[in-house]
Amino acid sequence: MVVSAGSGLNACGGGLVTTSVDASPRRQRRRERGCRRRHHSRDARRQRRARGRRGVLAQPRRGVQSGTLRLGLRAQEARPPRWRRAASSIAASLFDFARANLVDGCVAETYSALELVWMGDHAADDLRGLFARTADDEVAHAGLAFEIHDWLLPQHTLEERERLSTELRDALRRLIEQASIARPSALAELGLPPMTVASALAVELAACLLSIDGRAHRPLS
């Protein structure tokens, strides 16, 4: 059967067309398949264009994010791990504490205890009891400082121990210099040891502490 011009319905355009076609089922099916392929190809092109637009819009953002991520990773690689920073901070604080304990406790408080013991025997009668009780406190403080030093020393490296030995020698040198300064005569009633006694106490303390430190063979000067 042949359909004359103007009487066919085009399935692709959805409207009336003026064509002269063979209305056999086989030709009709081919026409419909071609029409579906054209629709699918148009849809595919529209989808590709939409994906392309989304990709262009998202590309700068991805670049910024990836750049920030790379910078963050580089910064993390440049910095040591958090546990290592904490451990180094604790080690530094531990060494500072050990140095202060050695200088202020083992040296200064021990010498202060020696002076107070002397003052408890040579001060005015109404002051001897006060100085004797204070001497007991200073002896206890010095003993605690030595216990702390013995506990901290094994936790230090060999280099840190050498630094502590240097700090000890410097503190003892300063102590001997200060003890060699003459005392005002007005303080005699307090029972302060005279310069010769104070200097002798400082020298004896230095010799004792250096022998404990294991470096007594080296001169202090």
N, C-alpha and C. Protein backbone atom coordinates (compact mmCIF):
# COMPACT_ATOMS: atom_id res chain seq x y z
N MET A 1 0.85 -1.18 0.00
CA MET A 1 0.00 0.00 0.00
C MET A 1 0.87 1.21 0.00
N VAL A 2 0.55 2.20 -0.81
CA VAL A 2 1.32 3.44 -0.95
C VAL A 2 0.48 4.57 -0.43
N VAL A 3 1.10 5.35 0.47
CA VAL A 3 0.42 6.51 1.05
C VAL A 3 0.83 7.71 0.25
N SER A 4 -0.12 8.48 -0.16
CA SER A 4 0.17 9.64 -0.97
C SER A 4 0.74 10.75 -0.12
N ALA A 5 1.31 11.75 -0.77
CA ALA A 5 1.91 12.89 -0.10
C ALA A 5 0.89 13.61 0.74
N GLY A 6 1.32 14.08 1.94
CA GLY A 6 0.46 14.85 2.82
C GLY A 6 -0.34 14.02 3.75
N SER A 7 -0.31 12.68 3.66
CA SER A 7 -1.16 11.86 4.53
C SER A 7 -0.38 11.06 5.55
N GLY A 8 0.96 11.22 5.66
CA GLY A 8 1.76 10.44 6.60
C GLY A 8 2.01 11.18 7.90
N LEU A 9 2.20 10.43 9.01
CA LEU A 9 2.51 10.98 10.32
C LEU A 9 3.95 10.60 10.65
N ASN A 10 4.81 11.60 10.75
CA ASN A 10 6.23 11.37 11.04
C ASN A 10 6.38 11.15 12.54
N ALA A 11 6.92 9.96 12.91
CA ALA A 11 7.08 9.64 14.33
C ALA A 11 8.20 10.43 14.95
N CYS A 12 9.17 10.90 14.14
CA CYS A 12 10.30 11.64 14.72
C CYS A 12 9.90 13.05 15.06
N GLY A 13 9.29 13.76 14.13
CA GLY A 13 8.96 15.15 14.38
C GLY A 13 7.68 15.31 15.15
N GLY A 14 6.83 14.33 15.18
CA GLY A 14 5.57 14.43 15.91
C GLY A 14 4.52 15.23 15.16
N GLY A 15 4.74 15.58 13.89
CA GLY A 15 3.76 16.39 13.15
C GLY A 15 3.49 15.80 11.78
N LEU A 16 2.66 16.48 11.04
CA LEU A 16 2.32 16.01 9.70
C LEU A 16 3.42 16.38 8.75
N VAL A 17 3.77 15.46 7.87
CA VAL A 17 4.78 15.73 6.86
C VAL A 17 4.18 15.39 5.51
N THR A 18 4.74 15.97 4.50
CA THR A 18 4.25 15.70 3.14
C THR A 18 5.30 14.87 2.43
N THR A 19 5.23 13.55 2.64
CA THR A 19 6.17 12.63 2.00
C THR A 19 5.39 11.51 1.35
N SER A 20 6.03 10.89 0.41
CA SER A 20 5.46 9.73 -0.26
C SER A 20 6.29 8.54 0.15
N VAL A 21 5.77 7.69 1.01
CA VAL A 21 6.53 6.58 1.59
C VAL A 21 5.76 5.29 1.38
N ASP A 22 6.51 4.24 1.50
CA ASP A 22 5.95 2.91 1.47
C ASP A 22 5.57 2.54 2.88
N ALA A 23 4.34 2.29 3.16
CA ALA A 23 3.85 2.05 4.52
C ALA A 23 3.97 0.60 4.91
N SER A 24 4.92 -0.15 4.32
CA SER A 24 5.09 -1.54 4.72
C SER A 24 5.63 -1.59 6.14
N PRO A 25 5.33 -2.61 6.90
CA PRO A 25 5.80 -2.70 8.31
C PRO A 25 7.31 -2.67 8.43
N ARG A 26 8.03 -3.29 7.49
CA ARG A 26 9.49 -3.31 7.59
C ARG A 26 10.06 -1.92 7.46
N ARG A 27 9.60 -1.12 6.50
CA ARG A 27 10.08 0.25 6.34
C ARG A 27 9.71 1.09 7.55
N GLN A 28 8.53 0.86 8.09
CA GLN A 28 8.10 1.63 9.25
C GLN A 28 8.98 1.35 10.46
N ARG A 29 9.33 0.09 10.64
CA ARG A 29 10.18 -0.27 11.78
C ARG A 29 11.57 0.34 11.63
N ARG A 30 12.12 0.33 10.39
CA ARG A 30 13.42 0.95 10.18
C ARG A 30 13.38 2.44 10.49
N ARG A 31 12.29 3.07 10.06
CA ARG A 31 12.15 4.50 10.32
C ARG A 31 12.10 4.79 11.82
N GLU A 32 11.35 3.96 12.55
CA GLU A 32 11.26 4.18 14.00
C GLU A 32 12.59 3.94 14.69
N ARG A 33 13.35 2.92 14.26
CA ARG A 33 14.65 2.67 14.86
C ARG A 33 15.60 3.83 14.59
N GLY A 34 15.60 4.35 13.40
CA GLY A 34 16.45 5.50 13.08
C GLY A 34 16.08 6.71 13.91
N CYS A 35 14.76 6.89 14.10
CA CYS A 35 14.31 8.03 14.89
C CYS A 35 14.78 7.90 16.34
N ARG A 36 14.69 6.68 16.91
CA ARG A 36 15.13 6.48 18.29
C ARG A 36 16.64 6.72 18.43
N ARG A 37 17.41 6.28 17.41
CA ARG A 37 18.85 6.50 17.45
C ARG A 37 19.18 7.99 17.44
N ARG A 38 18.45 8.76 16.64
CA ARG A 38 18.70 10.19 16.61
C ARG A 38 18.37 10.84 17.95
N HIS A 39 17.23 10.41 18.56
CA HIS A 39 16.89 10.92 19.88
C HIS A 39 17.97 10.57 20.90
N HIS A 40 18.44 9.34 20.87
CA HIS A 40 19.46 8.92 21.83
C HIS A 40 20.75 9.68 21.63
N SER A 41 21.12 9.92 20.37
CA SER A 41 22.36 10.66 20.11
C SER A 41 22.25 12.10 20.58
N ARG A 42 21.06 12.72 20.40
CA ARG A 42 20.89 14.09 20.90
C ARG A 42 20.96 14.12 22.43
N ASP A 43 20.30 13.15 23.06
CA ASP A 43 20.37 13.10 24.53
C ASP A 43 21.81 12.89 25.01
N ALA A 44 22.54 12.03 24.33
CA ALA A 44 23.92 11.77 24.73
C ALA A 44 24.77 13.02 24.58
N ARG A 45 24.57 13.79 23.48
CA ARG A 45 25.33 15.03 23.32
C ARG A 45 25.01 16.04 24.41
N ARG A 46 23.69 16.14 24.73
CA ARG A 46 23.32 17.08 25.80
C ARG A 46 23.94 16.67 27.14
N GLN A 47 23.97 15.38 27.43
CA GLN A 47 24.57 14.92 28.68
C GLN A 47 26.07 15.17 28.71
N ARG A 48 26.74 14.96 27.56
CA ARG A 48 28.18 15.23 27.53
C ARG A 48 28.48 16.71 27.73
N ARG A 49 27.66 17.56 27.11
CA ARG A 49 27.88 19.00 27.30
C ARG A 49 27.64 19.40 28.75
N ALA A 50 26.59 18.83 29.37
CA ALA A 50 26.32 19.15 30.77
C ALA A 50 27.46 18.69 31.68
N ARG A 51 27.96 17.48 31.42
CA ARG A 51 29.09 17.00 32.23
C ARG A 51 30.32 17.87 32.01
N GLY A 52 30.53 18.31 30.79
CA GLY A 52 31.67 19.18 30.52
C GLY A 52 31.56 20.49 31.26
N ARG A 53 30.33 21.09 31.27
CA ARG A 53 30.16 22.35 32.01
C ARG A 53 30.40 22.14 33.50
N ARG A 54 29.87 21.05 34.06
CA ARG A 54 30.10 20.79 35.48
C ARG A 54 31.58 20.58 35.78
N GLY A 55 32.26 19.90 34.86
CA GLY A 55 33.68 19.66 35.08
C GLY A 55 34.49 20.94 35.05
N VAL A 56 34.14 21.86 34.11
CA VAL A 56 34.86 23.13 34.04
C VAL A 56 34.63 23.95 35.30
N LEU A 57 33.38 23.97 35.78
CA LEU A 57 33.09 24.73 36.99
C LEU A 57 33.76 24.13 38.22
N ALA A 58 33.85 22.80 38.26
CA ALA A 58 34.41 22.16 39.45
C ALA A 58 35.92 22.07 39.41
N GLN A 59 36.55 22.29 38.25
CA GLN A 59 37.99 22.10 38.15
C GLN A 59 38.78 23.06 39.01
N PRO A 60 38.50 24.39 39.03
CA PRO A 60 39.28 25.26 39.90
C PRO A 60 39.15 24.87 41.37
N ARG A 61 37.95 24.50 41.81
CA ARG A 61 37.75 24.11 43.20
C ARG A 61 38.56 22.87 43.54
N ARG A 62 38.56 21.90 42.61
CA ARG A 62 39.36 20.71 42.87
C ARG A 62 40.83 21.07 42.94
N GLY A 63 41.25 22.01 42.09
CA GLY A 63 42.65 22.42 42.12
C GLY A 63 43.01 23.06 43.44
N VAL A 64 42.13 23.94 43.96
CA VAL A 64 42.41 24.58 45.23
C VAL A 64 42.46 23.56 46.35
N GLN A 65 41.48 22.63 46.33
CA GLN A 65 41.47 21.62 47.38
C GLN A 65 42.71 20.74 47.31
N SER A 66 43.07 20.31 46.11
CA SER A 66 44.24 19.45 46.01
C SER A 66 45.51 20.20 46.37
N GLY A 67 45.59 21.51 45.98
CA GLY A 67 46.75 22.30 46.36
C GLY A 67 46.85 22.46 47.86
N THR A 68 45.72 22.72 48.51
CA THR A 68 45.73 22.83 49.97
C THR A 68 46.12 21.53 50.62
N LEU A 69 45.64 20.43 50.06
CA LEU A 69 45.99 19.12 50.60
C LEU A 69 47.48 18.86 50.46
N ARG A 70 48.03 19.23 49.28
CA ARG A 70 49.46 19.01 49.08
C ARG A 70 50.27 19.86 50.05
N LEU A 71 49.87 21.12 50.24
CA LEU A 71 50.58 21.99 51.19
C LEU A 71 50.48 21.44 52.60
N GLY A 72 49.29 20.94 52.98
CA GLY A 72 49.13 20.37 54.31
C GLY A 72 50.01 19.15 54.52
N LEU A 73 50.08 18.29 53.48
CA LEU A 73 50.93 17.11 53.60
C LEU A 73 52.39 17.48 53.69
N ARG A 74 52.80 18.49 52.90
CA ARG A 74 54.20 18.92 52.99
C ARG A 74 54.52 19.50 54.35
N ALA A 75 53.57 20.27 54.90
CA ALA A 75 53.81 20.83 56.24
C ALA A 75 53.91 19.73 57.29
N GLN A 76 53.06 18.71 57.16
CA GLN A 76 53.13 17.61 58.11
C GLN A 76 54.43 16.85 57.97
N GLU A 77 54.91 16.69 56.70
CA GLU A 77 56.17 16.00 56.52
C GLU A 77 57.34 16.79 57.07
N ALA A 78 57.26 18.15 56.98
CA ALA A 78 58.35 18.98 57.47
C ALA A 78 58.42 18.99 58.99
N ARG A 79 57.27 18.91 59.65
CA ARG A 79 57.25 18.94 61.11
C ARG A 79 57.41 17.53 61.67
N PRO A 80 58.11 17.39 62.81
CA PRO A 80 58.20 16.06 63.42
C PRO A 80 56.87 15.63 63.98
N PRO A 81 56.65 14.35 64.19
CA PRO A 81 55.38 13.88 64.75
C PRO A 81 55.10 14.52 66.09
N ARG A 82 53.82 14.56 66.44
CA ARG A 82 53.42 15.22 67.68
C ARG A 82 54.04 14.55 68.90
N TRP A 83 54.10 13.23 68.89
CA TRP A 83 54.68 12.55 70.05
C TRP A 83 56.15 12.86 70.19
N ARG A 84 56.85 13.07 69.04
CA ARG A 84 58.27 13.37 69.12
C ARG A 84 58.48 14.79 69.64
N ARG A 85 57.62 15.75 69.23
CA ARG A 85 57.74 17.11 69.76
C ARG A 85 57.46 17.11 71.24
N ALA A 86 56.45 16.37 71.69
CA ALA A 86 56.14 16.32 73.12
C ALA A 86 57.29 15.70 73.90
N ALA A 87 57.88 14.64 73.34
CA ALA A 87 58.98 13.98 74.04
C ALA A 87 60.19 14.90 74.17
N SER A 88 60.49 15.65 73.09
CA SER A 88 61.63 16.58 73.17
C SER A 88 61.36 17.70 74.15
N SER A 89 60.10 18.18 74.21
CA SER A 89 59.76 19.23 75.17
C SER A 89 59.88 18.72 76.60
N ILE A 90 59.41 17.50 76.84
CA ILE A 90 59.52 16.92 78.19
C ILE A 90 60.98 16.74 78.57
N ALA A 91 61.79 16.28 77.62
CA ALA A 91 63.21 16.07 77.91
C ALA A 91 63.90 17.39 78.24
N ALA A 92 63.57 18.47 77.48
CA ALA A 92 64.16 19.77 77.76
C ALA A 92 63.73 20.27 79.13
N SER A 93 62.45 20.13 79.46
CA SER A 93 61.97 20.56 80.77
C SER A 93 62.61 19.74 81.88
N LEU A 94 62.81 18.46 81.65
CA LEU A 94 63.42 17.60 82.66
C LEU A 94 64.87 18.01 82.91
N PHE A 95 65.58 18.36 81.85
CA PHE A 95 66.97 18.78 82.03
C PHE A 95 67.03 20.12 82.76
N ASP A 96 66.16 21.06 82.41
CA ASP A 96 66.14 22.35 83.11
C ASP A 96 65.84 22.16 84.60
N PHE A 97 64.91 21.27 84.89
CA PHE A 97 64.59 21.00 86.29
C PHE A 97 65.78 20.38 87.01
N ALA A 98 66.45 19.45 86.35
CA ALA A 98 67.63 18.82 86.96
C ALA A 98 68.74 19.84 87.20
N ARG A 99 68.93 20.75 86.27
CA ARG A 99 69.97 21.77 86.44
C ARG A 99 69.64 22.70 87.59
N ALA A 100 68.38 23.15 87.67
CA ALA A 100 67.98 24.03 88.77
C ALA A 100 68.08 23.30 90.11
N ASN A 101 67.70 22.03 90.13
CA ASN A 101 67.79 21.27 91.38
C ASN A 101 69.25 21.11 91.82
N LEU A 102 70.13 20.90 90.85
CA LEU A 102 71.54 20.71 91.18
C LEU A 102 72.15 22.00 91.71
N VAL A 103 71.90 23.11 91.04
CA VAL A 103 72.53 24.39 91.41
C VAL A 103 71.90 24.97 92.67
N ASP A 104 70.56 25.04 92.70
CA ASP A 104 69.88 25.68 93.82
C ASP A 104 69.72 24.76 95.03
N GLY A 105 69.58 23.46 94.77
CA GLY A 105 69.35 22.53 95.87
C GLY A 105 70.62 21.93 96.41
N CYS A 106 71.33 21.20 95.54
CA CYS A 106 72.52 20.48 96.01
C CYS A 106 73.65 21.41 96.41
N VAL A 107 73.77 22.56 95.77
CA VAL A 107 74.86 23.48 96.08
C VAL A 107 74.41 24.56 97.05
N ALA A 108 73.44 25.38 96.64
CA ALA A 108 73.07 26.55 97.45
C ALA A 108 72.45 26.15 98.79
N GLU A 109 71.52 25.23 98.78
CA GLU A 109 70.86 24.87 100.05
C GLU A 109 71.78 24.08 100.97
N THR A 110 72.68 23.30 100.40
CA THR A 110 73.64 22.60 101.26
C THR A 110 74.58 23.59 101.95
N TYR A 111 75.06 24.55 101.19
CA TYR A 111 75.92 25.57 101.82
C TYR A 111 75.13 26.41 102.83
N SER A 112 73.89 26.72 102.52
CA SER A 112 73.06 27.46 103.48
C SER A 112 72.87 26.67 104.76
N ALA A 113 72.70 25.35 104.65
CA ALA A 113 72.56 24.52 105.84
C ALA A 113 73.84 24.55 106.68
N LEU A 114 75.01 24.52 106.03
CA LEU A 114 76.28 24.58 106.76
C LEU A 114 76.41 25.91 107.50
N GLU A 115 76.05 26.99 106.83
CA GLU A 115 76.12 28.30 107.48
C GLU A 115 75.17 28.39 108.67
N LEU A 116 73.95 27.84 108.51
CA LEU A 116 72.97 27.92 109.60
C LEU A 116 73.39 27.07 110.79
N VAL A 117 74.03 25.94 110.53
CA VAL A 117 74.55 25.14 111.64
C VAL A 117 75.60 25.93 112.42
N TRP A 118 76.48 26.61 111.72
CA TRP A 118 77.48 27.46 112.38
C TRP A 118 76.79 28.58 113.15
N MET A 119 75.81 29.21 112.55
CA MET A 119 75.13 30.31 113.21
C MET A 119 74.35 29.84 114.44
N GLY A 120 73.83 28.62 114.38
CA GLY A 120 73.14 28.08 115.55
C GLY A 120 74.05 27.89 116.74
N ASP A 121 75.37 27.80 116.50
CA ASP A 121 76.34 27.64 117.59
C ASP A 121 77.02 28.95 117.98
N HIS A 122 77.02 29.95 117.10
CA HIS A 122 77.80 31.15 117.35
C HIS A 122 76.97 32.43 117.38
N ALA A 123 75.69 32.36 117.12
CA ALA A 123 74.86 33.58 117.15
C ALA A 123 74.55 33.95 118.59
N ALA A 124 73.87 35.09 118.73
CA ALA A 124 73.43 35.51 120.07
C ALA A 124 72.51 34.45 120.65
N ASP A 125 72.46 34.44 122.01
CA ASP A 125 71.71 33.38 122.68
C ASP A 125 70.24 33.34 122.26
N ASP A 126 69.63 34.51 122.06
CA ASP A 126 68.21 34.52 121.71
C ASP A 126 67.95 34.14 120.25
N LEU A 127 69.01 33.98 119.47
CA LEU A 127 68.85 33.64 118.05
C LEU A 127 69.31 32.22 117.73
N ARG A 128 69.99 31.59 118.63
CA ARG A 128 70.56 30.27 118.33
C ARG A 128 69.47 29.22 118.06
N GLY A 129 68.41 29.25 118.85
CA GLY A 129 67.34 28.27 118.63
C GLY A 129 66.69 28.44 117.27
N LEU A 130 66.48 29.71 116.88
CA LEU A 130 65.87 29.97 115.57
C LEU A 130 66.76 29.45 114.44
N PHE A 131 68.05 29.73 114.52
CA PHE A 131 68.96 29.29 113.46
C PHE A 131 69.11 27.77 113.45
N ALA A 132 69.06 27.15 114.64
CA ALA A 132 69.17 25.69 114.69
C ALA A 132 67.96 25.03 114.02
N ARG A 133 66.78 25.55 114.30
CA ARG A 133 65.57 24.98 113.66
C ARG A 133 65.60 25.23 112.15
N THR A 134 66.03 26.41 111.75
CA THR A 134 66.13 26.70 110.32
C THR A 134 67.16 25.80 109.65
N ALA A 135 68.24 25.52 110.35
CA ALA A 135 69.27 24.63 109.81
C ALA A 135 68.71 23.24 109.56
N ASP A 136 67.87 22.76 110.48
CA ASP A 136 67.25 21.43 110.28
C ASP A 136 66.42 21.41 109.00
N ASP A 137 65.66 22.49 108.76
CA ASP A 137 64.86 22.56 107.53
C ASP A 137 65.75 22.57 106.29
N GLU A 138 66.84 23.34 106.34
CA GLU A 138 67.72 23.42 105.18
C GLU A 138 68.42 22.09 104.91
N VAL A 139 68.78 21.39 105.97
CA VAL A 139 69.39 20.06 105.80
C VAL A 139 68.40 19.11 105.12
N ALA A 140 67.12 19.18 105.55
CA ALA A 140 66.10 18.32 104.92
C ALA A 140 65.91 18.70 103.45
N HIS A 141 65.91 19.99 103.14
CA HIS A 141 65.75 20.43 101.75
C HIS A 141 66.93 19.97 100.90
N ALA A 142 68.14 20.10 101.44
CA ALA A 142 69.33 19.67 100.70
C ALA A 142 69.30 18.16 100.46
N GLY A 143 68.88 17.40 101.49
CA GLY A 143 68.78 15.95 101.31
C GLY A 143 67.79 15.57 100.23
N LEU A 144 66.66 16.27 100.17
CA LEU A 144 65.68 16.01 99.12
C LEU A 144 66.25 16.34 97.75
N ALA A 145 67.02 17.42 97.66
CA ALA A 145 67.63 17.78 96.38
C ALA A 145 68.58 16.69 95.89
N PHE A 146 69.36 16.09 96.79
CA PHE A 146 70.26 15.01 96.40
C PHE A 146 69.49 13.77 95.98
N GLU A 147 68.38 13.48 96.63
CA GLU A 147 67.56 12.34 96.22
C GLU A 147 66.98 12.56 94.82
N ILE A 148 66.51 13.76 94.56
CA ILE A 148 65.99 14.07 93.22
C ILE A 148 67.09 13.97 92.18
N HIS A 149 68.29 14.46 92.52
CA HIS A 149 69.40 14.38 91.58
C HIS A 149 69.75 12.93 91.26
N ASP A 150 69.77 12.08 92.27
CA ASP A 150 70.07 10.66 92.03
C ASP A 150 68.99 9.99 91.18
N TRP A 151 67.75 10.44 91.31
CA TRP A 151 66.66 9.86 90.52
C TRP A 151 66.70 10.35 89.08
N LEU A 152 67.08 11.62 88.87
CA LEU A 152 67.06 12.18 87.52
C LEU A 152 68.28 11.80 86.71
N LEU A 153 69.41 11.61 87.35
CA LEU A 153 70.66 11.44 86.61
C LEU A 153 70.62 10.27 85.62
N PRO A 154 70.11 9.08 85.97
CA PRO A 154 70.10 7.99 84.98
C PRO A 154 69.21 8.27 83.77
N GLN A 155 68.33 9.24 83.85
CA GLN A 155 67.41 9.51 82.74
C GLN A 155 68.01 10.44 81.70
N HIS A 156 69.21 10.95 81.96
CA HIS A 156 69.86 11.88 81.03
C HIS A 156 70.86 11.15 80.14
N THR A 157 71.08 11.74 78.98
CA THR A 157 72.10 11.21 78.07
C THR A 157 73.49 11.57 78.58
N LEU A 158 74.50 10.99 77.96
CA LEU A 158 75.87 11.28 78.36
C LEU A 158 76.20 12.75 78.16
N GLU A 159 75.73 13.31 77.07
CA GLU A 159 75.97 14.74 76.82
C GLU A 159 75.30 15.61 77.88
N GLU A 160 74.09 15.26 78.27
CA GLU A 160 73.40 16.04 79.29
C GLU A 160 74.09 15.90 80.65
N ARG A 161 74.64 14.75 80.93
CA ARG A 161 75.38 14.59 82.19
C ARG A 161 76.63 15.46 82.20
N GLU A 162 77.30 15.54 81.06
CA GLU A 162 78.46 16.42 80.98
C GLU A 162 78.05 17.88 81.20
N ARG A 163 76.93 18.27 80.65
CA ARG A 163 76.45 19.64 80.86
C ARG A 163 76.10 19.89 82.31
N LEU A 164 75.51 18.90 82.98
CA LEU A 164 75.22 19.05 84.40
C LEU A 164 76.50 19.16 85.22
N SER A 165 77.51 18.40 84.87
CA SER A 165 78.79 18.51 85.56
C SER A 165 79.39 19.90 85.38
N THR A 166 79.29 20.44 84.20
CA THR A 166 79.78 21.80 83.97
C THR A 166 79.00 22.81 84.79
N GLU A 167 77.68 22.65 84.86
CA GLU A 167 76.86 23.55 85.68
C GLU A 167 77.27 23.44 87.15
N LEU A 168 77.55 22.23 87.62
CA LEU A 168 77.96 22.05 89.01
C LEU A 168 79.27 22.75 89.29
N ARG A 169 80.23 22.61 88.42
CA ARG A 169 81.53 23.23 88.62
C ARG A 169 81.42 24.75 88.59
N ASP A 170 80.60 25.28 87.69
CA ASP A 170 80.41 26.73 87.64
C ASP A 170 79.75 27.24 88.92
N ALA A 171 78.74 26.51 89.43
CA ALA A 171 78.06 26.93 90.65
C ALA A 171 79.01 26.89 91.85
N LEU A 172 79.86 25.88 91.92
CA LEU A 172 80.81 25.79 93.02
C LEU A 172 81.86 26.89 92.92
N ARG A 173 82.27 27.23 91.74
CA ARG A 173 83.24 28.31 91.57
C ARG A 173 82.64 29.64 92.02
N ARG A 174 81.40 29.88 91.67
CA ARG A 174 80.74 31.12 92.12
C ARG A 174 80.58 31.12 93.65
N LEU A 175 80.26 29.97 94.21
CA LEU A 175 80.09 29.88 95.66
C LEU A 175 81.38 30.22 96.39
N ILE A 176 82.51 29.70 95.93
CA ILE A 176 83.79 29.98 96.58
C ILE A 176 84.14 31.46 96.46
N GLU A 177 83.83 32.05 95.31
CA GLU A 177 84.10 33.48 95.14
C GLU A 177 83.25 34.33 96.10
N GLN A 178 81.98 33.99 96.24
CA GLN A 178 81.12 34.74 97.15
C GLN A 178 81.52 34.54 98.61
N ALA A 179 81.94 33.32 98.96
CA ALA A 179 82.34 33.07 100.35
C ALA A 179 83.64 33.78 100.71
N SER A 180 84.41 34.17 99.72
CA SER A 180 85.69 34.84 99.97
C SER A 180 85.52 36.34 100.17
N ILE A 181 84.31 36.83 100.13
CA ILE A 181 84.05 38.26 100.34
C ILE A 181 83.94 38.53 101.84
N ALA A 182 84.57 39.59 102.30
CA ALA A 182 84.56 39.93 103.73
C ALA A 182 83.15 40.29 104.18
N ARG A 183 82.80 39.89 105.40
CA ARG A 183 81.48 40.16 105.98
C ARG A 183 81.53 41.44 106.81
N PRO A 184 80.45 42.24 106.79
CA PRO A 184 80.43 43.42 107.66
C PRO A 184 80.50 43.02 109.14
N SER A 185 81.23 43.78 109.93
CA SER A 185 81.36 43.48 111.36
C SER A 185 80.06 43.65 112.11
N ALA A 186 79.14 44.44 111.56
CA ALA A 186 77.87 44.66 112.23
C ALA A 186 77.01 43.40 112.28
N LEU A 187 77.32 42.41 111.43
CA LEU A 187 76.55 41.17 111.39
C LEU A 187 77.16 40.09 112.29
N ALA A 188 78.11 40.48 113.11
CA ALA A 188 78.78 39.48 113.95
C ALA A 188 77.83 38.86 114.95
N GLU A 189 76.89 39.65 115.47
CA GLU A 189 75.97 39.11 116.46
C GLU A 189 75.02 38.08 115.88
N LEU A 190 74.85 38.07 114.57
CA LEU A 190 74.01 37.05 113.94
C LEU A 190 74.73 35.71 113.85
N GLY A 191 76.01 35.73 114.13
CA GLY A 191 76.75 34.47 114.11
C GLY A 191 77.19 34.03 112.73
N LEU A 192 77.20 34.94 111.76
CA LEU A 192 77.67 34.58 110.43
C LEU A 192 79.13 34.14 110.50
N PRO A 193 79.49 33.10 109.79
CA PRO A 193 80.89 32.68 109.82
C PRO A 193 81.79 33.74 109.19
N PRO A 194 82.96 33.95 109.78
CA PRO A 194 83.88 34.91 109.16
C PRO A 194 84.34 34.43 107.79
N MET A 195 85.03 35.32 107.09
CA MET A 195 85.40 35.01 105.71
C MET A 195 86.25 33.76 105.61
N THR A 196 87.18 33.57 106.54
CA THR A 196 88.04 32.39 106.48
C THR A 196 87.23 31.11 106.66
N VAL A 197 86.28 31.15 107.62
CA VAL A 197 85.45 29.96 107.85
C VAL A 197 84.51 29.73 106.66
N ALA A 198 83.88 30.79 106.17
CA ALA A 198 82.96 30.65 105.03
C ALA A 198 83.68 30.11 103.81
N SER A 199 84.90 30.61 103.56
CA SER A 199 85.66 30.12 102.42
C SER A 199 86.04 28.66 102.60
N ALA A 200 86.41 28.28 103.84
CA ALA A 200 86.76 26.88 104.09
C ALA A 200 85.55 25.97 103.90
N LEU A 201 84.37 26.42 104.37
CA LEU A 201 83.16 25.61 104.17
C LEU A 201 82.86 25.41 102.68
N ALA A 202 83.01 26.49 101.91
CA ALA A 202 82.74 26.40 100.48
C ALA A 202 83.71 25.46 99.78
N VAL A 203 84.99 25.52 100.15
CA VAL A 203 85.98 24.66 99.52
C VAL A 203 85.73 23.19 99.87
N GLU A 204 85.40 22.93 101.15
CA GLU A 204 85.12 21.55 101.55
C GLU A 204 83.87 21.01 100.85
N LEU A 205 82.86 21.85 100.72
CA LEU A 205 81.65 21.41 100.02
C LEU A 205 81.96 21.13 98.55
N ALA A 206 82.76 21.98 97.92
CA ALA A 206 83.11 21.76 96.51
C ALA A 206 83.86 20.45 96.34
N ALA A 207 84.80 20.18 97.23
CA ALA A 207 85.57 18.93 97.13
C ALA A 207 84.65 17.72 97.30
N CYS A 208 83.71 17.81 98.24
CA CYS A 208 82.78 16.70 98.46
C CYS A 208 81.90 16.45 97.24
N LEU A 209 81.33 17.52 96.70
CA LEU A 209 80.42 17.36 95.56
C LEU A 209 81.17 16.92 94.31
N LEU A 210 82.38 17.40 94.11
CA LEU A 210 83.14 16.97 92.94
C LEU A 210 83.55 15.51 93.04
N SER A 211 83.81 15.04 94.25
CA SER A 211 84.14 13.62 94.40
C SER A 211 82.92 12.75 94.11
N ILE A 212 81.75 13.22 94.49
CA ILE A 212 80.52 12.49 94.15
C ILE A 212 80.28 12.51 92.65
N ASP A 213 80.62 13.66 92.03
CA ASP A 213 80.42 13.79 90.59
C ASP A 213 81.42 12.95 89.81
N GLY A 214 82.49 12.47 90.46
CA GLY A 214 83.46 11.63 89.77
C GLY A 214 84.48 12.41 88.97
N ARG A 215 84.61 13.71 89.23
CA ARG A 215 85.56 14.51 88.46
C ARG A 215 86.46 15.31 89.39
N ALA A 216 86.72 14.76 90.58
CA ALA A 216 87.54 15.47 91.56
C ALA A 216 88.99 15.61 91.07
N HIS A 217 89.40 14.75 90.11
CA HIS A 217 90.78 14.83 89.63
C HIS A 217 91.01 16.07 88.79
N ARG A 218 89.94 16.73 88.38
CA ARG A 218 90.09 17.94 87.57
C ARG A 218 90.05 19.14 88.47
N PRO A 219 90.96 20.10 88.33
CA PRO A 219 90.95 21.28 89.20
C PRO A 219 89.72 22.12 88.94
N LEU A 220 89.25 22.81 89.99
CA LEU A 220 88.04 23.61 89.88
C LEU A 220 88.28 24.90 89.13
N SER A 221 89.45 25.45 89.18
CA SER A 221 89.73 26.73 88.52
C SER A 221 89.84 26.55 87.03
